[in-house]
mmCIF file of all heavy atoms, coordinates in Angstrom:
data_MODEL
# 
_entry.id   MODEL 
# 
loop_
_atom_site.group_PDB 
_atom_site.id 
_atom_site.type_symbol 
_atom_site.label_atom_id 
_atom_site.label_alt_id 
_atom_site.label_comp_id 
_atom_site.label_asym_id 
_atom_site.label_entity_id 
_atom_site.label_seq_id 
_atom_site.pdbx_PDB_ins_code 
_atom_site.Cartn_x 
_atom_site.Cartn_y 
_atom_site.Cartn_z 
_atom_site.occupancy 
_atom_site.B_iso_or_equiv 
_atom_site.pdbx_formal_charge 
_atom_site.auth_seq_id 
_atom_site.auth_comp_id 
_atom_site.auth_asym_id 
_atom_site.auth_atom_id 
_atom_site.pdbx_PDB_model_num 
ATOM 1   N N   . GLY A 1 1  ? 69.761 107.245 142.878 1.00 0.00 ? 1  GLY A N   1 
ATOM 2   C CA  . GLY A 1 1  ? 68.540 106.458 142.970 1.00 0.00 ? 1  GLY A CA  1 
ATOM 3   C C   . GLY A 1 1  ? 68.574 105.329 141.955 1.00 0.00 ? 1  GLY A C   1 
ATOM 4   O O   . GLY A 1 1  ? 69.223 105.436 140.916 1.00 0.00 ? 1  GLY A O   1 
ATOM 5   N N   . PHE A 1 2  ? 67.882 104.248 142.262 1.00 0.00 ? 2  PHE A N   1 
ATOM 6   C CA  . PHE A 1 2  ? 67.822 103.097 141.367 1.00 0.00 ? 2  PHE A CA  1 
ATOM 7   C C   . PHE A 1 2  ? 66.445 102.975 140.736 1.00 0.00 ? 2  PHE A C   1 
ATOM 8   O O   . PHE A 1 2  ? 65.444 103.176 141.388 1.00 0.00 ? 2  PHE A O   1 
ATOM 9   C CB  . PHE A 1 2  ? 68.098 101.796 142.138 1.00 0.00 ? 2  PHE A CB  1 
ATOM 10  C CG  . PHE A 1 2  ? 69.521 101.617 142.507 1.00 0.00 ? 2  PHE A CG  1 
ATOM 11  C CD1 . PHE A 1 2  ? 69.965 101.968 143.771 1.00 0.00 ? 2  PHE A CD1 1 
ATOM 12  C CD2 . PHE A 1 2  ? 70.415 101.095 141.601 1.00 0.00 ? 2  PHE A CD2 1 
ATOM 13  C CE1 . PHE A 1 2  ? 71.289 101.790 144.118 1.00 0.00 ? 2  PHE A CE1 1 
ATOM 14  C CE2 . PHE A 1 2  ? 71.744 100.909 141.942 1.00 0.00 ? 2  PHE A CE2 1 
ATOM 15  C CZ  . PHE A 1 2  ? 72.180 101.260 143.211 1.00 0.00 ? 2  PHE A CZ  1 
ATOM 16  N N   . LYS A 1 3  ? 66.407 102.667 139.466 1.00 0.00 ? 3  LYS A N   1 
ATOM 17  C CA  . LYS A 1 3  ? 65.171 102.332 138.773 1.00 0.00 ? 3  LYS A CA  1 
ATOM 18  C C   . LYS A 1 3  ? 65.535 101.257 137.759 1.00 0.00 ? 3  LYS A C   1 
ATOM 19  O O   . LYS A 1 3  ? 66.372 101.487 136.884 1.00 0.00 ? 3  LYS A O   1 
ATOM 20  C CB  . LYS A 1 3  ? 64.593 103.561 138.076 1.00 0.00 ? 3  LYS A CB  1 
ATOM 21  C CG  . LYS A 1 3  ? 63.274 103.294 137.410 1.00 0.00 ? 3  LYS A CG  1 
ATOM 22  C CD  . LYS A 1 3  ? 62.215 104.162 138.001 1.00 0.00 ? 3  LYS A CD  1 
ATOM 23  C CE  . LYS A 1 3  ? 60.879 103.875 137.389 1.00 0.00 ? 3  LYS A CE  1 
ATOM 24  N NZ  . LYS A 1 3  ? 59.875 104.761 137.863 1.00 0.00 ? 3  LYS A NZ  1 
ATOM 25  N N   . ARG A 1 4  ? 64.923 100.110 137.918 1.00 0.00 ? 4  ARG A N   1 
ATOM 26  C CA  . ARG A 1 4  ? 65.211 98.969  137.027 1.00 0.00 ? 4  ARG A CA  1 
ATOM 27  C C   . ARG A 1 4  ? 66.713 98.692  136.937 1.00 0.00 ? 4  ARG A C   1 
ATOM 28  O O   . ARG A 1 4  ? 67.273 98.567  135.854 1.00 0.00 ? 4  ARG A O   1 
ATOM 29  C CB  . ARG A 1 4  ? 64.629 99.213  135.646 1.00 0.00 ? 4  ARG A CB  1 
ATOM 30  C CG  . ARG A 1 4  ? 63.127 99.302  135.664 1.00 0.00 ? 4  ARG A CG  1 
ATOM 31  C CD  . ARG A 1 4  ? 62.581 99.354  134.244 1.00 0.00 ? 4  ARG A CD  1 
ATOM 32  N NE  . ARG A 1 4  ? 61.191 99.658  134.299 1.00 0.00 ? 4  ARG A NE  1 
ATOM 33  C CZ  . ARG A 1 4  ? 60.652 100.789 133.863 1.00 0.00 ? 4  ARG A CZ  1 
ATOM 34  N NH1 . ARG A 1 4  ? 61.400 101.715 133.319 1.00 0.00 ? 4  ARG A NH1 1 
ATOM 35  N NH2 . ARG A 1 4  ? 59.363 100.995 133.952 1.00 0.00 ? 4  ARG A NH2 1 
ATOM 36  N N   . ARG A 1 5  ? 67.354 98.658  138.098 1.00 0.00 ? 5  ARG A N   1 
ATOM 37  C CA  . ARG A 1 5  ? 68.774 98.320  138.226 1.00 0.00 ? 5  ARG A CA  1 
ATOM 38  C C   . ARG A 1 5  ? 69.714 99.361  137.627 1.00 0.00 ? 5  ARG A C   1 
ATOM 39  O O   . ARG A 1 5  ? 70.913 99.124  137.509 1.00 0.00 ? 5  ARG A O   1 
ATOM 40  C CB  . ARG A 1 5  ? 69.076 96.943  137.656 1.00 0.00 ? 5  ARG A CB  1 
ATOM 41  C CG  . ARG A 1 5  ? 68.348 95.841  138.371 1.00 0.00 ? 5  ARG A CG  1 
ATOM 42  C CD  . ARG A 1 5  ? 68.823 94.502  137.855 1.00 0.00 ? 5  ARG A CD  1 
ATOM 43  N NE  . ARG A 1 5  ? 68.125 93.445  138.531 1.00 0.00 ? 5  ARG A NE  1 
ATOM 44  C CZ  . ARG A 1 5  ? 68.670 92.698  139.473 1.00 0.00 ? 5  ARG A CZ  1 
ATOM 45  N NH1 . ARG A 1 5  ? 69.901 92.904  139.844 1.00 0.00 ? 5  ARG A NH1 1 
ATOM 46  N NH2 . ARG A 1 5  ? 67.969 91.744  140.039 1.00 0.00 ? 5  ARG A NH2 1 
ATOM 47  N N   . LYS A 1 6  ? 69.223 100.504 137.205 1.00 0.00 ? 6  LYS A N   1 
ATOM 48  C CA  . LYS A 1 6  ? 70.083 101.568 136.699 1.00 0.00 ? 6  LYS A CA  1 
ATOM 49  C C   . LYS A 1 6  ? 70.317 102.572 137.812 1.00 0.00 ? 6  LYS A C   1 
ATOM 50  O O   . LYS A 1 6  ? 69.387 102.941 138.526 1.00 0.00 ? 6  LYS A O   1 
ATOM 51  C CB  . LYS A 1 6  ? 69.442 102.287 135.512 1.00 0.00 ? 6  LYS A CB  1 
ATOM 52  C CG  . LYS A 1 6  ? 69.364 101.439 134.276 1.00 0.00 ? 6  LYS A CG  1 
ATOM 53  C CD  . LYS A 1 6  ? 68.803 102.244 133.138 1.00 0.00 ? 6  LYS A CD  1 
ATOM 54  C CE  . LYS A 1 6  ? 68.691 101.394 131.888 1.00 0.00 ? 6  LYS A CE  1 
ATOM 55  N NZ  . LYS A 1 6  ? 68.127 102.154 130.788 1.00 0.00 ? 6  LYS A NZ  1 
ATOM 56  N N   . LEU A 1 7  ? 71.550 103.016 137.940 1.00 0.00 ? 7  LEU A N   1 
ATOM 57  C CA  . LEU A 1 7  ? 71.913 104.004 138.948 1.00 0.00 ? 7  LEU A CA  1 
ATOM 58  C C   . LEU A 1 7  ? 71.977 105.364 138.285 1.00 0.00 ? 7  LEU A C   1 
ATOM 59  O O   . LEU A 1 7  ? 72.591 105.527 137.229 1.00 0.00 ? 7  LEU A O   1 
ATOM 60  C CB  . LEU A 1 7  ? 73.272 103.645 139.563 1.00 0.00 ? 7  LEU A CB  1 
ATOM 61  C CG  . LEU A 1 7  ? 73.814 104.601 140.603 1.00 0.00 ? 7  LEU A CG  1 
ATOM 62  C CD1 . LEU A 1 7  ? 72.911 104.607 141.835 1.00 0.00 ? 7  LEU A CD1 1 
ATOM 63  C CD2 . LEU A 1 7  ? 75.223 104.186 141.002 1.00 0.00 ? 7  LEU A CD2 1 
ATOM 64  N N   . LYS A 1 8  ? 71.325 106.350 138.882 1.00 0.00 ? 8  LYS A N   1 
ATOM 65  C CA  . LYS A 1 8  ? 71.321 107.700 138.326 1.00 0.00 ? 8  LYS A CA  1 
ATOM 66  C C   . LYS A 1 8  ? 71.669 108.682 139.437 1.00 0.00 ? 8  LYS A C   1 
ATOM 67  O O   . LYS A 1 8  ? 71.250 108.508 140.571 1.00 0.00 ? 8  LYS A O   1 
ATOM 68  C CB  . LYS A 1 8  ? 69.947 108.015 137.746 1.00 0.00 ? 8  LYS A CB  1 
ATOM 69  C CG  . LYS A 1 8  ? 69.904 109.373 137.119 1.00 0.00 ? 8  LYS A CG  1 
ATOM 70  C CD  . LYS A 1 8  ? 68.918 109.428 135.991 1.00 0.00 ? 8  LYS A CD  1 
ATOM 71  C CE  . LYS A 1 8  ? 68.811 110.870 135.566 1.00 0.00 ? 8  LYS A CE  1 
ATOM 72  N NZ  . LYS A 1 8  ? 69.100 111.164 134.266 1.00 0.00 ? 8  LYS A NZ  1 
ATOM 73  N N   . ILE A 1 9  ? 72.430 109.718 139.097 1.00 0.00 ? 9  ILE A N   1 
ATOM 74  C CA  . ILE A 1 9  ? 72.832 110.735 140.064 1.00 0.00 ? 9  ILE A CA  1 
ATOM 75  C C   . ILE A 1 9  ? 72.018 112.001 139.812 1.00 0.00 ? 9  ILE A C   1 
ATOM 76  O O   . ILE A 1 9  ? 71.886 112.445 138.671 1.00 0.00 ? 9  ILE A O   1 
ATOM 77  C CB  . ILE A 1 9  ? 74.336 111.044 139.946 1.00 0.00 ? 9  ILE A CB  1 
ATOM 78  C CG1 . ILE A 1 9  ? 75.144 109.773 140.267 1.00 0.00 ? 9  ILE A CG1 1 
ATOM 79  C CG2 . ILE A 1 9  ? 74.729 112.173 140.882 1.00 0.00 ? 9  ILE A CG2 1 
ATOM 80  C CD1 . ILE A 1 9  ? 76.617 109.908 140.020 1.00 0.00 ? 9  ILE A CD1 1 
ATOM 81  N N   . TYR A 1 10 ? 71.468 112.574 140.910 1.00 0.00 ? 10 TYR A N   1 
ATOM 82  C CA  . TYR A 1 10 ? 70.662 113.788 140.820 1.00 0.00 ? 10 TYR A CA  1 
ATOM 83  C C   . TYR A 1 10 ? 71.259 114.887 141.678 1.00 0.00 ? 10 TYR A C   1 
ATOM 84  O O   . TYR A 1 10 ? 71.682 114.643 142.802 1.00 0.00 ? 10 TYR A O   1 
ATOM 85  C CB  . TYR A 1 10 ? 69.224 113.525 141.298 1.00 0.00 ? 10 TYR A CB  1 
ATOM 86  C CG  . TYR A 1 10 ? 68.434 112.714 140.315 1.00 0.00 ? 10 TYR A CG  1 
ATOM 87  C CD1 . TYR A 1 10 ? 68.347 111.344 140.435 1.00 0.00 ? 10 TYR A CD1 1 
ATOM 88  C CD2 . TYR A 1 10 ? 67.791 113.329 139.252 1.00 0.00 ? 10 TYR A CD2 1 
ATOM 89  C CE1 . TYR A 1 10 ? 67.635 110.590 139.521 1.00 0.00 ? 10 TYR A CE1 1 
ATOM 90  C CE2 . TYR A 1 10 ? 67.086 112.582 138.335 1.00 0.00 ? 10 TYR A CE2 1 
ATOM 91  C CZ  . TYR A 1 10 ? 67.012 111.226 138.475 1.00 0.00 ? 10 TYR A CZ  1 
ATOM 92  O OH  . TYR A 1 10 ? 66.315 110.485 137.555 1.00 0.00 ? 10 TYR A OH  1 
ATOM 93  N N   . SER A 1 11 ? 71.254 116.106 141.141 1.00 0.00 ? 11 SER A N   1 
ATOM 94  C CA  . SER A 1 11 ? 71.657 117.260 141.951 1.00 0.00 ? 11 SER A CA  1 
ATOM 95  C C   . SER A 1 11 ? 70.463 117.667 142.813 1.00 0.00 ? 11 SER A C   1 
ATOM 96  O O   . SER A 1 11 ? 69.318 117.311 142.518 1.00 0.00 ? 11 SER A O   1 
ATOM 97  C CB  . SER A 1 11 ? 72.079 118.422 141.055 1.00 0.00 ? 11 SER A CB  1 
ATOM 98  O OG  . SER A 1 11 ? 70.966 118.930 140.361 1.00 0.00 ? 11 SER A OG  1 
ATOM 99  N N   . SER A 1 12 ? 70.713 118.415 143.876 1.00 0.00 ? 12 SER A N   1 
ATOM 100 C CA  . SER A 1 12 ? 69.621 118.781 144.780 1.00 0.00 ? 12 SER A CA  1 
ATOM 101 C C   . SER A 1 12 ? 68.553 119.603 144.067 1.00 0.00 ? 12 SER A C   1 
ATOM 102 O O   . SER A 1 12 ? 67.376 119.516 144.417 1.00 0.00 ? 12 SER A O   1 
ATOM 103 C CB  . SER A 1 12 ? 70.156 119.531 145.997 1.00 0.00 ? 12 SER A CB  1 
ATOM 104 O OG  . SER A 1 12 ? 70.775 120.732 145.619 1.00 0.00 ? 12 SER A OG  1 
ATOM 105 N N   . GLU A 1 13 ? 68.920 120.371 143.044 1.00 0.00 ? 13 GLU A N   1 
ATOM 106 C CA  . GLU A 1 13 ? 67.945 121.182 142.316 1.00 0.00 ? 13 GLU A CA  1 
ATOM 107 C C   . GLU A 1 13 ? 66.956 120.347 141.521 1.00 0.00 ? 13 GLU A C   1 
ATOM 108 O O   . GLU A 1 13 ? 65.883 120.818 141.166 1.00 0.00 ? 13 GLU A O   1 
ATOM 109 C CB  . GLU A 1 13 ? 68.651 122.172 141.372 1.00 0.00 ? 13 GLU A CB  1 
ATOM 110 C CG  . GLU A 1 13 ? 69.458 123.239 142.067 1.00 0.00 ? 13 GLU A CG  1 
ATOM 111 C CD  . GLU A 1 13 ? 70.826 122.755 142.520 1.00 0.00 ? 13 GLU A CD  1 
ATOM 112 O OE1 . GLU A 1 13 ? 71.343 121.761 141.959 1.00 0.00 ? 13 GLU A OE1 1 
ATOM 113 O OE2 . GLU A 1 13 ? 71.375 123.360 143.456 1.00 0.00 ? 13 GLU A OE2 1 
ATOM 114 N N   . GLU A 1 14 ? 67.297 119.106 141.237 1.00 0.00 ? 14 GLU A N   1 
ATOM 115 C CA  . GLU A 1 14 ? 66.417 118.217 140.481 1.00 0.00 ? 14 GLU A CA  1 
ATOM 116 C C   . GLU A 1 14 ? 65.465 117.430 141.380 1.00 0.00 ? 14 GLU A C   1 
ATOM 117 O O   . GLU A 1 14 ? 64.571 116.739 140.889 1.00 0.00 ? 14 GLU A O   1 
ATOM 118 C CB  . GLU A 1 14 ? 67.247 117.215 139.674 1.00 0.00 ? 14 GLU A CB  1 
ATOM 119 C CG  . GLU A 1 14 ? 68.121 117.844 138.614 1.00 0.00 ? 14 GLU A CG  1 
ATOM 120 C CD  . GLU A 1 14 ? 69.008 116.807 137.954 1.00 0.00 ? 14 GLU A CD  1 
ATOM 121 O OE1 . GLU A 1 14 ? 70.029 116.428 138.550 1.00 0.00 ? 14 GLU A OE1 1 
ATOM 122 O OE2 . GLU A 1 14 ? 68.648 116.370 136.838 1.00 0.00 ? 14 GLU A OE2 1 
ATOM 123 N N   . ILE A 1 15 ? 65.655 117.533 142.687 1.00 0.00 ? 15 ILE A N   1 
ATOM 124 C CA  . ILE A 1 15 ? 64.875 116.742 143.636 1.00 0.00 ? 15 ILE A CA  1 
ATOM 125 C C   . ILE A 1 15 ? 63.699 117.552 144.173 1.00 0.00 ? 15 ILE A C   1 
ATOM 126 O O   . ILE A 1 15 ? 63.871 118.669 144.647 1.00 0.00 ? 15 ILE A O   1 
ATOM 127 C CB  . ILE A 1 15 ? 65.764 116.266 144.803 1.00 0.00 ? 15 ILE A CB  1 
ATOM 128 C CG1 . ILE A 1 15 ? 66.896 115.384 144.268 1.00 0.00 ? 15 ILE A CG1 1 
ATOM 129 C CG2 . ILE A 1 15 ? 64.936 115.517 145.846 1.00 0.00 ? 15 ILE A CG2 1 
ATOM 130 C CD1 . ILE A 1 15 ? 67.960 115.063 145.302 1.00 0.00 ? 15 ILE A CD1 1 
ATOM 131 N N   . VAL A 1 16 ? 62.506 117.008 144.079 1.00 0.00 ? 16 VAL A N   1 
ATOM 132 C CA  . VAL A 1 16 ? 61.305 117.624 144.644 1.00 0.00 ? 16 VAL A CA  1 
ATOM 133 C C   . VAL A 1 16 ? 61.211 117.271 146.122 1.00 0.00 ? 16 VAL A C   1 
ATOM 134 O O   . VAL A 1 16 ? 61.021 118.126 146.971 1.00 0.00 ? 16 VAL A O   1 
ATOM 135 C CB  . VAL A 1 16 ? 60.035 117.152 143.898 1.00 0.00 ? 16 VAL A CB  1 
ATOM 136 C CG1 . VAL A 1 16 ? 58.783 117.599 144.622 1.00 0.00 ? 16 VAL A CG1 1 
ATOM 137 C CG2 . VAL A 1 16 ? 60.049 117.645 142.472 1.00 0.00 ? 16 VAL A CG2 1 
ATOM 138 N N   . CYS A 1 17 ? 61.344 115.985 146.413 1.00 0.00 ? 17 CYS A N   1 
ATOM 139 C CA  . CYS A 1 17 ? 61.248 115.531 147.801 1.00 0.00 ? 17 CYS A CA  1 
ATOM 140 C C   . CYS A 1 17 ? 61.759 114.116 147.925 1.00 0.00 ? 17 CYS A C   1 
ATOM 141 O O   . CYS A 1 17 ? 62.056 113.445 146.929 1.00 0.00 ? 17 CYS A O   1 
ATOM 142 C CB  . CYS A 1 17 ? 59.807 115.608 148.302 1.00 0.00 ? 17 CYS A CB  1 
ATOM 143 S SG  . CYS A 1 17 ? 58.668 114.445 147.519 1.00 0.00 ? 17 CYS A SG  1 
ATOM 144 N N   . PHE A 1 18 ? 61.854 113.693 149.167 1.00 0.00 ? 18 PHE A N   1 
ATOM 145 C CA  . PHE A 1 18 ? 62.056 112.296 149.506 1.00 0.00 ? 18 PHE A CA  1 
ATOM 146 C C   . PHE A 1 18 ? 60.781 111.882 150.219 1.00 0.00 ? 18 PHE A C   1 
ATOM 147 O O   . PHE A 1 18 ? 60.292 112.603 151.090 1.00 0.00 ? 18 PHE A O   1 
ATOM 148 C CB  . PHE A 1 18 ? 63.254 112.121 150.442 1.00 0.00 ? 18 PHE A CB  1 
ATOM 149 C CG  . PHE A 1 18 ? 64.563 112.526 149.818 1.00 0.00 ? 18 PHE A CG  1 
ATOM 150 C CD1 . PHE A 1 18 ? 65.049 113.804 149.989 1.00 0.00 ? 18 PHE A CD1 1 
ATOM 151 C CD2 . PHE A 1 18 ? 65.291 111.629 149.054 1.00 0.00 ? 18 PHE A CD2 1 
ATOM 152 C CE1 . PHE A 1 18 ? 66.253 114.189 149.423 1.00 0.00 ? 18 PHE A CE1 1 
ATOM 153 C CE2 . PHE A 1 18 ? 66.493 111.996 148.482 1.00 0.00 ? 18 PHE A CE2 1 
ATOM 154 C CZ  . PHE A 1 18 ? 66.979 113.288 148.660 1.00 0.00 ? 18 PHE A CZ  1 
ATOM 155 N N   . GLU A 1 19 ? 60.238 110.735 149.849 1.00 0.00 ? 19 GLU A N   1 
ATOM 156 C CA  . GLU A 1 19 ? 59.027 110.279 150.517 1.00 0.00 ? 19 GLU A CA  1 
ATOM 157 C C   . GLU A 1 19 ? 59.164 108.817 150.910 1.00 0.00 ? 19 GLU A C   1 
ATOM 158 O O   . GLU A 1 19 ? 59.828 108.035 150.238 1.00 0.00 ? 19 GLU A O   1 
ATOM 159 C CB  . GLU A 1 19 ? 57.776 110.510 149.675 1.00 0.00 ? 19 GLU A CB  1 
ATOM 160 C CG  . GLU A 1 19 ? 57.703 109.776 148.379 1.00 0.00 ? 19 GLU A CG  1 
ATOM 161 C CD  . GLU A 1 19 ? 56.434 110.107 147.605 1.00 0.00 ? 19 GLU A CD  1 
ATOM 162 O OE1 . GLU A 1 19 ? 55.636 110.954 148.014 1.00 0.00 ? 19 GLU A OE1 1 
ATOM 163 O OE2 . GLU A 1 19 ? 56.244 109.478 146.555 1.00 0.00 ? 19 GLU A OE2 1 
ATOM 164 N N   . SER A 1 20 ? 58.543 108.493 152.022 1.00 0.00 ? 20 SER A N   1 
ATOM 165 C CA  . SER A 1 20 ? 58.627 107.150 152.559 1.00 0.00 ? 20 SER A CA  1 
ATOM 166 C C   . SER A 1 20 ? 57.228 106.571 152.700 1.00 0.00 ? 20 SER A C   1 
ATOM 167 O O   . SER A 1 20 ? 56.322 107.223 153.211 1.00 0.00 ? 20 SER A O   1 
ATOM 168 C CB  . SER A 1 20 ? 59.313 107.201 153.922 1.00 0.00 ? 20 SER A CB  1 
ATOM 169 O OG  . SER A 1 20 ? 59.446 105.922 154.451 1.00 0.00 ? 20 SER A OG  1 
ATOM 170 N N   . SER A 1 21 ? 57.064 105.352 152.219 1.00 0.00 ? 21 SER A N   1 
ATOM 171 C CA  . SER A 1 21 ? 55.805 104.626 152.419 1.00 0.00 ? 21 SER A CA  1 
ATOM 172 C C   . SER A 1 21 ? 56.084 103.140 152.297 1.00 0.00 ? 21 SER A C   1 
ATOM 173 O O   . SER A 1 21 ? 56.946 102.721 151.524 1.00 0.00 ? 21 SER A O   1 
ATOM 174 C CB  . SER A 1 21 ? 54.746 105.061 151.402 1.00 0.00 ? 21 SER A CB  1 
ATOM 175 O OG  . SER A 1 21 ? 55.135 104.722 150.103 1.00 0.00 ? 21 SER A OG  1 
ATOM 176 N N   . ASP A 1 22 ? 55.369 102.358 153.080 1.00 0.00 ? 22 ASP A N   1 
ATOM 177 C CA  . ASP A 1 22 ? 55.521 100.902 153.060 1.00 0.00 ? 22 ASP A CA  1 
ATOM 178 C C   . ASP A 1 22 ? 56.975 100.458 153.205 1.00 0.00 ? 22 ASP A C   1 
ATOM 179 O O   . ASP A 1 22 ? 57.448 99.595  152.463 1.00 0.00 ? 22 ASP A O   1 
ATOM 180 C CB  . ASP A 1 22 ? 54.912 100.307 151.791 1.00 0.00 ? 22 ASP A CB  1 
ATOM 181 C CG  . ASP A 1 22 ? 53.437 100.591 151.675 1.00 0.00 ? 22 ASP A CG  1 
ATOM 182 O OD1 . ASP A 1 22 ? 52.762 100.627 152.726 1.00 0.00 ? 22 ASP A OD1 1 
ATOM 183 O OD2 . ASP A 1 22 ? 52.956 100.789 150.546 1.00 0.00 ? 22 ASP A OD2 1 
ATOM 184 N N   . LYS A 1 23 ? 57.700 101.095 154.107 1.00 0.00 ? 23 LYS A N   1 
ATOM 185 C CA  . LYS A 1 23 ? 59.098 100.763 154.422 1.00 0.00 ? 23 LYS A CA  1 
ATOM 186 C C   . LYS A 1 23 ? 60.059 100.984 153.261 1.00 0.00 ? 23 LYS A C   1 
ATOM 187 O O   . LYS A 1 23 ? 61.161 100.453 153.250 1.00 0.00 ? 23 LYS A O   1 
ATOM 188 C CB  . LYS A 1 23 ? 59.218 99.346  154.959 1.00 0.00 ? 23 LYS A CB  1 
ATOM 189 C CG  . LYS A 1 23 ? 58.472 99.151  156.256 1.00 0.00 ? 23 LYS A CG  1 
ATOM 190 C CD  . LYS A 1 23 ? 58.720 97.795  156.833 1.00 0.00 ? 23 LYS A CD  1 
ATOM 191 C CE  . LYS A 1 23 ? 57.943 97.666  158.134 1.00 0.00 ? 23 LYS A CE  1 
ATOM 192 N NZ  . LYS A 1 23 ? 58.190 96.423  158.812 1.00 0.00 ? 23 LYS A NZ  1 
ATOM 193 N N   . ALA A 1 24 ? 59.662 101.760 152.268 1.00 0.00 ? 24 ALA A N   1 
ATOM 194 C CA  . ALA A 1 24 ? 60.547 102.107 151.157 1.00 0.00 ? 24 ALA A CA  1 
ATOM 195 C C   . ALA A 1 24 ? 60.665 103.625 151.106 1.00 0.00 ? 24 ALA A C   1 
ATOM 196 O O   . ALA A 1 24 ? 59.703 104.344 151.354 1.00 0.00 ? 24 ALA A O   1 
ATOM 197 C CB  . ALA A 1 24 ? 59.995 101.581 149.849 1.00 0.00 ? 24 ALA A CB  1 
ATOM 198 N N   . THR A 1 25 ? 61.854 104.102 150.774 1.00 0.00 ? 25 THR A N   1 
ATOM 199 C CA  . THR A 1 25 ? 62.080 105.534 150.629 1.00 0.00 ? 25 THR A CA  1 
ATOM 200 C C   . THR A 1 25 ? 62.385 105.822 149.172 1.00 0.00 ? 25 THR A C   1 
ATOM 201 O O   . THR A 1 25 ? 63.196 105.122 148.552 1.00 0.00 ? 25 THR A O   1 
ATOM 202 C CB  . THR A 1 25 ? 63.256 106.000 151.518 1.00 0.00 ? 25 THR A CB  1 
ATOM 203 O OG1 . THR A 1 25 ? 62.980 105.635 152.867 1.00 0.00 ? 25 THR A OG1 1 
ATOM 204 C CG2 . THR A 1 25 ? 63.451 107.503 151.428 1.00 0.00 ? 25 THR A CG2 1 
ATOM 205 N N   . CYS A 1 26 ? 61.728 106.843 148.634 1.00 0.00 ? 26 CYS A N   1 
ATOM 206 C CA  . CYS A 1 26 ? 61.920 107.219 147.237 1.00 0.00 ? 26 CYS A CA  1 
ATOM 207 C C   . CYS A 1 26 ? 62.400 108.657 147.123 1.00 0.00 ? 26 CYS A C   1 
ATOM 208 O O   . CYS A 1 26 ? 61.997 109.522 147.889 1.00 0.00 ? 26 CYS A O   1 
ATOM 209 C CB  . CYS A 1 26 ? 60.618 107.090 146.458 1.00 0.00 ? 26 CYS A CB  1 
ATOM 210 S SG  . CYS A 1 26 ? 60.066 105.414 146.237 1.00 0.00 ? 26 CYS A SG  1 
# 
């Protein structure tokens, strides 16, 4: 995932969900 141009890698255990709104997926 990107936040302020930084790339970070997450394992599935760290992920709560994926959510989509206003044509963006987080």
